Protein backbone atom coordinates (compact mmCIF):
# COMPACT_ATOMS: atom_id res chain seq x y z
CA MET A 1 0.07 -0.01 -0.10
CA THR A 2 1.17 3.52 -0.87
CA GLU A 3 1.67 6.04 2.01
CA LEU A 4 -0.66 8.99 1.22
CA LEU A 5 1.27 12.06 2.28
CA TYR A 6 -1.55 14.45 1.31
CA TYR A 7 -3.67 12.66 4.09
CA HIS A 8 -1.71 14.73 6.51
CA ASP A 9 -0.64 17.91 4.72
CA CYS A 10 -2.51 19.12 1.56
CA TYR A 11 -0.20 22.11 1.19
CA GLN A 12 3.04 20.28 0.52
CA THR A 13 3.98 20.41 -3.14
CA ASP A 14 7.11 18.33 -3.54
CA PHE A 15 8.19 15.09 -2.08
CA ARG A 16 10.87 12.28 -2.50
CA ALA A 17 9.86 8.64 -2.77
CA ARG A 18 11.22 5.16 -3.88
CA ILE A 19 9.91 3.26 -6.92
CA VAL A 20 8.45 0.01 -5.83
CA ASP A 21 6.87 -1.17 -9.06
CA ARG A 22 6.46 -0.37 -12.80
CA ILE A 23 3.26 -0.89 -14.67
CA SER A 24 2.58 -1.42 -18.39
CA ASP A 25 -1.04 -1.07 -19.35
CA ASN A 26 -2.21 -0.84 -22.97
CA GLY A 27 0.94 1.07 -23.95
CA ARG A 28 0.87 3.21 -20.96
CA HIS A 29 3.63 3.35 -18.39
CA GLY A 30 2.98 3.75 -14.68
CA LEU A 31 4.90 3.99 -11.51
CA VAL A 32 4.02 2.83 -8.04
CA LEU A 33 5.96 4.64 -5.31
CA ASP A 34 6.25 3.87 -1.69
CA ARG A 35 4.74 7.25 -0.80
CA THR A 36 3.02 10.00 -2.78
CA LEU A 37 1.53 13.42 -2.67
CA PHE A 38 -0.52 12.85 -5.87
CA TYR A 39 -4.27 12.43 -5.09
CA PRO A 40 -5.73 9.61 -7.15
CA THR A 41 -9.27 9.88 -8.59
CA SER A 42 -11.66 9.02 -5.83
CA GLY A 43 -14.70 10.18 -4.04
CA GLY A 44 -15.88 12.52 -6.83
CA GLN A 45 -12.58 14.35 -6.92
CA PRO A 46 -10.25 14.21 -9.96
CA PHE A 47 -6.51 13.14 -9.68
CA ASP A 48 -3.74 15.56 -9.17
CA LEU A 49 -1.25 16.51 -12.06
CA GLY A 50 2.49 17.20 -11.83
CA SER A 51 5.67 15.53 -12.61
CA ILE A 52 7.99 12.87 -11.33
CA GLN A 53 11.71 13.34 -12.23
CA ASP A 54 10.48 16.22 -14.50
CA VAL A 55 8.35 13.72 -16.53
CA PRO A 56 4.67 14.74 -16.62
CA VAL A 57 2.15 12.65 -14.66
CA GLU A 58 -0.97 12.25 -16.85
CA GLU A 59 -3.30 10.27 -14.58
CA VAL A 60 -3.31 8.94 -11.01
CA LEU A 61 -5.44 5.99 -9.98
CA ILE A 62 -5.66 3.79 -6.95
CA ASP A 63 -5.48 0.00 -7.21
CA GLY A 64 -8.69 -1.16 -5.40
CA ASN A 65 -7.20 -4.53 -4.54
CA ASP A 66 -4.20 -3.51 -2.63
CA GLY A 67 -4.40 0.35 -2.14
CA ARG A 68 -1.29 1.03 -4.32
CA VAL A 69 -1.34 4.41 -6.16
CA ILE A 70 -0.46 4.13 -9.83
CA HIS A 71 1.18 7.18 -11.52
CA TYR A 72 0.64 7.00 -15.21
CA MET A 73 3.49 8.84 -17.03
CA SER A 74 3.73 10.86 -20.15
CA ALA A 75 4.72 8.90 -23.32
CA SER A 76 7.99 10.76 -23.26
CA ALA A 77 8.95 8.65 -20.29
CA GLN A 78 10.53 6.02 -22.30
CA TYR A 79 11.92 6.24 -19.65
CA VAL A 80 13.49 8.67 -17.26
CA ASP A 81 16.22 7.12 -15.22
CA MET A 82 13.82 5.28 -13.17
CA HIS A 83 16.48 3.17 -11.74
CA SER A 84 17.20 6.02 -9.31
CA VAL A 85 17.13 4.93 -5.70
CA GLU A 86 14.95 7.97 -5.09
CA VAL A 87 12.79 10.16 -7.27
CA LEU A 88 11.39 13.67 -6.91
CA GLY A 89 7.77 14.37 -7.42
CA ASN A 90 6.11 17.84 -7.83
CA ILE A 91 2.45 18.69 -7.62
CA ASP A 92 0.62 21.11 -10.00
CA TRP A 93 -0.27 23.44 -7.18
CA PRO A 94 -2.84 25.71 -8.91
CA ARG A 95 -4.88 22.48 -9.86
CA ARG A 96 -4.42 21.06 -6.28
CA PHE A 97 -5.52 24.31 -4.59
CA ASP A 98 -8.55 24.62 -6.98
CA HIS A 99 -9.63 21.18 -6.01
CA MET A 100 -9.15 22.04 -2.25
CA GLN A 101 -11.52 25.07 -2.70
CA GLN A 102 -14.05 23.12 -4.44
CA HIS A 103 -14.15 20.09 -2.16
CA THR A 104 -14.07 22.14 1.02
CA GLY A 105 -16.84 24.26 -0.30
CA GLN A 106 -18.82 21.16 -1.11
CA HIS A 107 -18.68 20.18 2.61
CA ILE A 108 -19.93 23.49 3.77
CA LEU A 109 -22.72 23.68 1.08
CA SER A 110 -23.90 20.15 1.91
CA GLN A 111 -24.12 21.04 5.57
CA ALA A 112 -25.91 24.24 4.72
CA PHE A 113 -28.66 22.44 2.74
CA GLU A 114 -29.00 19.92 5.53
CA GLN A 115 -29.59 22.67 8.04
CA VAL A 116 -31.81 24.84 5.78
CA ALA A 117 -33.75 22.31 3.78
CA GLY A 118 -33.33 19.05 5.85
CA THR A 119 -31.85 17.27 2.76
CA ALA A 120 -28.77 15.03 2.71
CA THR A 121 -26.11 14.97 0.03
CA ILE A 122 -26.11 11.57 -1.82
CA GLY A 123 -23.55 12.34 -4.55
CA PHE A 124 -20.69 14.60 -5.39
CA HIS A 125 -18.79 15.21 -8.60
CA MET A 126 -15.94 17.74 -9.30
CA GLY A 127 -15.78 18.75 -12.92
CA ALA A 128 -13.19 20.70 -14.86
CA GLU A 129 -15.53 23.74 -15.03
CA SER A 130 -17.97 23.19 -12.22
CA SER A 131 -18.96 20.80 -9.49
CA THR A 132 -22.27 19.15 -8.59
CA LEU A 133 -23.78 17.67 -5.48
CA ASP A 134 -26.94 15.48 -5.47
CA LEU A 135 -29.54 16.02 -2.76
CA ASP A 136 -32.14 13.48 -1.66
CA LEU A 137 -34.94 16.15 -2.02
CA GLY A 138 -36.70 16.18 -5.36
CA ARG A 139 -37.80 19.85 -5.19
CA LEU A 140 -36.14 22.82 -3.74
CA THR A 141 -37.63 26.25 -3.32
CA GLN A 142 -35.69 29.32 -4.45
CA ASN A 143 -35.72 30.58 -0.83
CA GLN A 144 -34.19 27.28 0.31
CA VAL A 145 -31.53 27.59 -2.40
CA ASP A 146 -30.75 31.21 -1.46
CA ASP A 147 -30.73 30.67 2.21
CA SER A 148 -28.33 27.72 1.90
CA GLU A 149 -25.99 29.77 -0.33
CA ASP A 150 -26.06 32.54 2.25
CA LEU A 151 -25.39 30.26 5.11
CA ALA A 152 -22.54 28.62 3.31
CA ASN A 153 -20.89 31.99 2.41
CA SER A 154 -21.20 33.25 6.01
CA ILE A 155 -19.03 30.23 7.20
CA VAL A 156 -16.53 31.29 4.52
CA TRP A 157 -16.50 34.91 5.82
CA GLU A 158 -16.11 33.76 9.38
CA ASP A 159 -12.75 32.16 8.30
CA ARG A 160 -13.22 29.05 10.45
CA ASP A 161 -10.53 26.48 11.08
CA VAL A 162 -10.67 23.42 8.83
CA THR A 163 -8.87 20.52 10.58
CA ILE A 164 -8.03 16.80 9.90
CA GLN A 165 -8.34 14.09 12.48
CA PHE A 166 -8.27 10.29 12.64
CA VAL A 167 -10.67 8.25 14.74
CA THR A 168 -11.65 4.55 15.15
CA ALA A 169 -14.97 3.40 13.74
CA ALA A 170 -16.25 2.93 17.19
CA ASP A 171 -15.44 6.57 18.14
CA ALA A 172 -16.99 7.77 14.85
CA GLN A 173 -20.38 6.38 15.93
CA LYS A 174 -20.29 8.91 18.84
CA LEU A 175 -19.74 11.86 16.51
CA PRO A 176 -22.28 14.02 14.63
CA LEU A 177 -21.09 12.79 11.17
CA ARG A 178 -23.39 13.25 8.21
CA LYS A 179 -22.41 9.79 6.93
CA ILE A 180 -20.03 7.03 8.21
CA PRO A 181 -18.24 5.18 5.60
CA PRO A 182 -16.33 1.92 6.01
CA ALA A 183 -13.12 2.51 8.02
CA LYS A 184 -9.79 2.13 6.30
CA ASP A 185 -7.15 0.28 8.40
CA GLY A 186 -9.57 0.60 11.26
CA LEU A 187 -9.43 4.49 11.12
CA LEU A 188 -11.60 7.15 9.62
CA ARG A 189 -10.18 10.46 8.40
CA LEU A 190 -12.41 13.30 9.41
CA ILE A 191 -12.54 16.85 8.10
CA SER A 192 -13.92 19.34 10.47
CA VAL A 193 -15.14 22.85 9.75
CA ASP A 194 -15.04 24.23 13.27
CA GLY A 195 -18.38 24.38 14.80
CA PHE A 196 -20.30 23.69 11.60
CA ASP A 197 -19.54 20.47 9.79
CA LEU A 198 -17.79 17.13 10.44
CA SER A 199 -17.42 14.64 7.55
CA ALA A 200 -15.49 11.53 6.81
CA CYS A 201 -13.48 12.26 3.74
CA GLY A 202 -10.23 11.30 2.02
CA GLY A 203 -9.92 14.34 -0.35
CA THR A 204 -7.76 17.41 -0.22
CA HIS A 205 -9.02 20.51 1.83
CA VAL A 206 -7.96 24.08 2.75
CA ARG A 207 -6.83 24.96 6.31
CA ARG A 208 -9.40 27.72 6.79
CA SER A 209 -12.77 28.33 5.40
CA GLY A 210 -11.84 31.90 4.16
CA GLU A 211 -9.41 30.24 1.62
CA ILE A 212 -12.44 28.81 -0.30
CA GLY A 213 -13.60 32.18 -1.63
CA PRO A 214 -17.16 32.83 -2.66
CA ILE A 215 -19.45 29.82 -2.99
CA LYS A 216 -21.99 30.47 -5.81
CA ILE A 217 -24.87 28.10 -6.89
CA VAL A 218 -25.28 28.51 -10.65
CA LYS A 219 -27.93 25.93 -11.55
CA ILE A 220 -30.46 23.60 -9.99
CA GLU A 221 -32.00 20.78 -11.82
CA ARG A 222 -34.33 17.90 -10.85
CA VAL A 223 -32.96 14.40 -11.73
CA GLY A 224 -35.58 11.80 -10.93
CA SER A 225 -36.40 12.03 -7.19
CA LYS A 226 -33.32 14.09 -6.41
CA SER A 227 -32.02 17.57 -7.03
CA ARG A 228 -28.73 18.37 -8.69
CA VAL A 229 -26.89 21.54 -7.54
CA GLU A 230 -24.27 22.93 -9.77
CA PHE A 231 -21.86 25.27 -7.87
CA LEU A 232 -18.56 27.12 -8.15
CA CYS A 233 -15.99 28.02 -5.50
CA GLY A 234 -13.22 30.48 -5.33
CA LYS A 235 -11.31 31.31 -8.54
CA ARG A 236 -14.02 29.46 -10.50
CA ALA A 237 -16.76 31.63 -9.06
CA LEU A 238 -14.73 34.83 -9.68
CA ALA A 239 -14.09 33.73 -13.36
CA ASP A 240 -17.75 33.05 -13.88
CA TYR A 241 -18.76 36.48 -12.44
CA ARG A 242 -16.31 38.16 -14.61
CA ARG A 243 -17.64 36.42 -17.81
CA LYS A 244 -21.16 37.27 -16.93
CA ASN A 245 -20.36 40.79 -15.94
CA LEU A 246 -18.59 41.38 -19.34
CA VAL A 247 -21.67 39.96 -21.22
CA LEU A 248 -24.08 42.15 -19.26
CA ALA A 249 -21.82 45.17 -19.82
CA ARG A 250 -21.73 44.61 -23.65
CA LEU A 251 -25.48 44.14 -23.81
CA SER A 252 -26.06 47.21 -21.69
CA SER A 253 -23.82 49.24 -24.04
CA GLU A 254 -25.45 47.90 -27.20
CA LEU A 255 -28.98 48.49 -25.94
CA THR A 256 -27.94 51.82 -24.25
CA THR A 257 -29.64 50.84 -20.96
CA GLY A 258 -28.53 49.90 -17.48
CA TYR A 259 -28.17 46.08 -16.83
CA TRP A 260 -31.17 46.15 -14.47
CA GLU A 261 -33.27 47.12 -17.43
CA LEU A 262 -32.09 44.31 -19.78
CA GLU A 263 -34.99 42.05 -19.11
CA ASN A 264 -37.46 44.81 -20.14
CA SER A 265 -35.38 45.78 -23.16
CA LEU A 266 -35.24 42.19 -24.36
CA ALA A 267 -38.96 41.67 -23.88
CA ARG A 268 -39.71 44.68 -25.98
CA LEU A 269 -37.22 43.41 -28.66
CA ARG A 270 -39.00 40.04 -28.60
CA ASP A 271 -42.34 41.73 -29.08
CA ASP A 272 -40.92 43.95 -31.98
CA LEU A 273 -39.44 40.82 -33.58
CA LYS A 274 -42.77 38.96 -33.42
CA GLN A 275 -44.58 41.86 -35.04
CA ALA A 276 -41.90 42.20 -37.69
CA ASN A 277 -42.06 38.49 -38.45
CA ARG A 278 -45.87 38.55 -38.73
CA ALA A 279 -45.72 41.53 -41.10
CA LEU A 280 -42.99 39.77 -43.14
CA LYS A 281 -45.05 36.74 -43.42
CA ARG A 282 -48.01 38.68 -44.71
CA LYS A 283 -45.82 40.50 -47.29
CA THR A 284 -44.19 37.25 -48.40
CA GLU A 285 -47.55 35.53 -48.83
CA GLU A 286 -48.84 38.40 -50.85
CA LEU A 287 -45.71 38.34 -53.09
CA LEU A 288 -46.08 34.59 -53.50
CA ASP A 289 -49.69 35.03 -54.65
CA ILE A 290 -48.60 37.54 -57.28
CA GLU A 291 -45.68 35.31 -58.33
CA ALA A 292 -48.15 32.29 -58.57
CA GLN A 293 -50.42 34.31 -60.79
CA ASN A 294 -47.58 35.38 -63.13
CA LEU A 295 -46.39 31.80 -63.34
CA ALA A 296 -49.91 30.49 -64.14
CA ALA A 297 -50.19 33.19 -66.82
CA ASP A 298 -47.13 31.75 -68.61
CA ALA A 299 -48.42 28.03 -68.40
CA VAL A 300 -48.08 25.85 -71.42
CA GLU A 301 -51.36 24.11 -72.41
CA PHE A 302 -51.27 20.47 -73.31
CA ALA A 303 -53.98 17.89 -73.55
CA GLY A 304 -56.45 20.01 -71.68
CA ALA A 305 -54.03 20.78 -68.86
CA HIS A 306 -51.79 23.71 -67.86
CA ILE A 307 -48.20 22.86 -67.28
CA ILE A 308 -45.85 25.18 -65.45
CA ARG A 309 -42.07 24.49 -65.23
CA ARG A 310 -39.58 26.68 -63.54
CA ASP A 311 -36.19 26.41 -61.89
CA PHE A 312 -34.79 28.65 -59.21
CA VAL A 313 -31.62 29.54 -57.52
CA ASN A 314 -31.13 30.90 -53.94
CA ARG A 315 -34.68 30.48 -52.81
CA GLU A 316 -35.90 28.86 -49.65
CA SER A 317 -37.50 25.42 -50.38
CA SER A 318 -40.31 26.41 -47.94
CA GLU A 319 -41.31 29.30 -50.26
CA LEU A 320 -41.35 26.87 -53.20
CA ARG A 321 -43.68 24.53 -51.38
CA ILE A 322 -46.07 27.50 -50.71
CA LEU A 323 -45.80 28.57 -54.30
CA ALA A 324 -46.39 25.12 -55.62
CA GLY A 325 -49.50 24.87 -53.44
CA ARG A 326 -50.86 28.19 -54.66
CA ILE A 327 -50.37 27.24 -58.26
CA ALA A 328 -51.89 23.77 -57.89
CA SER A 329 -55.07 25.30 -56.49
CA ILE A 330 -55.89 26.35 -60.05
CA GLU A 331 -58.04 23.93 -61.98
CA ARG A 332 -56.34 21.56 -64.41
CA THR A 333 -52.78 22.66 -63.47
CA ILE A 334 -49.53 20.82 -62.95
CA VAL A 335 -46.45 22.66 -61.56
CA LEU A 336 -42.89 21.34 -61.79
CA LEU A 337 -40.39 23.38 -59.76
CA GLY A 338 -36.77 22.89 -59.15
CA LEU A 339 -34.21 24.46 -56.82
CA ALA A 340 -30.44 24.49 -57.76
CA GLY A 341 -27.73 24.82 -55.21
CA ASN A 342 -25.79 22.89 -52.47
CA LYS A 343 -28.96 20.80 -51.80
CA ALA A 344 -30.98 20.66 -55.14
CA GLN A 345 -34.74 20.11 -54.65
CA LEU A 346 -37.54 19.02 -56.94
CA LEU A 347 -41.27 19.97 -56.00
CA PHE A 348 -44.18 18.73 -58.12
CA ALA A 349 -47.83 19.50 -57.47
CA ARG A 350 -51.11 19.19 -59.43
CA SER A 351 -54.73 20.10 -58.94
CA ASP A 352 -57.33 17.58 -57.82
CA ASP A 353 -59.04 17.27 -61.21
CA LEU A 354 -56.07 15.57 -62.96
CA GLN A 355 -55.02 11.92 -62.88
CA VAL A 356 -51.20 12.37 -63.15
CA ALA A 357 -49.10 10.35 -60.52
CA LEU A 358 -46.41 12.83 -59.70
CA ASN A 359 -44.79 10.47 -57.15
CA GLU A 360 -44.08 8.10 -60.05
CA VAL A 361 -42.60 10.96 -62.13
CA LEU A 362 -40.38 11.92 -59.13
CA THR A 363 -39.24 8.35 -58.71
CA ASP A 364 -38.09 8.34 -62.35
CA VAL A 365 -36.25 11.56 -62.47
CA LEU A 366 -34.84 11.84 -58.99
CA PRO A 367 -31.87 9.56 -59.66
CA LEU A 368 -30.73 12.01 -62.42
CA LEU A 369 -29.69 14.38 -59.57
CA GLY A 370 -27.46 11.80 -58.02
CA ASP A 371 -27.79 10.21 -54.57
CA ALA A 372 -31.17 12.07 -53.89
CA THR A 373 -34.09 10.90 -51.75
CA GLY A 374 -37.72 11.82 -51.70
CA GLY A 375 -41.29 10.70 -52.11
CA GLY A 376 -44.84 11.83 -51.88
CA SER A 377 -48.34 11.21 -53.34
CA PRO A 378 -49.90 11.35 -56.72
CA LYS A 379 -50.77 15.05 -55.93
CA PHE A 380 -47.66 16.22 -54.41
CA ALA A 381 -44.13 14.92 -54.42
CA GLN A 382 -40.70 16.30 -53.53
CA GLY A 383 -37.10 15.14 -53.03
CA GLY A 384 -33.48 16.04 -53.62
CA GLY A 385 -30.38 16.49 -51.42
CA PRO A 386 -27.15 16.37 -53.48
CA PRO A 387 -25.75 19.64 -55.08
CA ALA A 388 -26.64 20.52 -58.63
CA ASP A 389 -26.47 23.68 -60.73
CA ASP A 390 -29.23 25.37 -62.53
CA SER A 391 -28.44 23.72 -65.94
CA LYS A 392 -28.72 20.23 -64.32
CA VAL A 393 -31.95 21.03 -62.58
CA ARG A 394 -33.43 22.54 -65.74
CA GLN A 395 -32.53 19.37 -67.60
CA VAL A 396 -34.26 17.13 -65.07
CA LEU A 397 -37.40 19.27 -65.07
CA ALA A 398 -37.53 18.89 -68.89
CA ILE A 399 -37.39 15.21 -68.51
CA ALA A 400 -40.18 15.33 -65.82
CA GLU A 401 -42.39 17.40 -68.18
CA ASP A 402 -41.89 14.84 -70.85
CA LEU A 403 -43.15 12.07 -68.53
CA VAL A 404 -46.10 14.20 -67.36
CA ARG A 405 -47.09 14.74 -71.01
CA ASP A 406 -46.93 11.02 -71.69
CA MET A 407 -49.30 10.42 -68.68
CA LEU A 408 -51.70 13.10 -69.97
CA THR A 409 -52.03 11.35 -73.41
């Protein structure tokens, strides 16, 4: 078993140790030391980074069978002089301290939710951007969330001592622990936030609550019968505030209003946009009606039917569907429309008083566009997909018209 130096001092950043084993695992190289400061992934907290003999450590895991800590090294470690009697390890301190802030903040926030809302923490995960804790209460009120956040930050401001102690499993039963896990080697490692929280935990923590910095809840979501709380501590909370403040400042400047008026300004913009979209839709439909009438006036008569064939470039396919529908409402009319571009389209429609199967016409001509797909009914059919220029689309439409003429006769 590896001696865990961080168990006693989370602030130490370098150490000396002996190599006791080397691991090869799917092309990765790992070292097992007799002692380490590197925290292995465990209890919702990610592993530490750093170096051993100036070779980067990429991942740190704990062997669940024998408690050995495996330090997986950079591929460049082919291989440091690992025959050294002793090696020097260094911890990535900014990462370590960030994890200390987040994990100690989680202890305080969990206790705050327990005191305010009577809900216990049943899960914790520390991510690269934010952390989450899961509570055994399915619905939290906004007041409960705000009061818990206020209580947690008041403990930070009071700068209380955060201490480590080791007790036996029997002694732990007599203490006000939120949860008592199985003892390791007969002892439990307890983290105490003076006068506020006592938890069994193997993670890394700050010495005083003031080092955590602000604790900010950024999201609450319900996951089944539990609530998931996303939160930020310390530098993460500061970075989040900075980003959001910059966004608010830019929006306030662009809208020439104070940030406190942004909601009202955005509501007005939404209303204006809705009205503009409604007006645009009305005008578009009026223009499509006029365009349909002009196309119908240029129809070619054949076998008692009016055939309209037209290709387009840089049009919305949704507009062509409306246009085809408008024209097909005219008696004894068949409309064959094509759209050239990165996603070529064919749209065929006819009036109810004709017996031409446009879905069969589409099936015959669609392969001429390439790897196209589509379908429809005898009255309306559409398809396409691959790119095609206007000359190609025009050619396909001409063949489609020939097939329509055959069906009419």
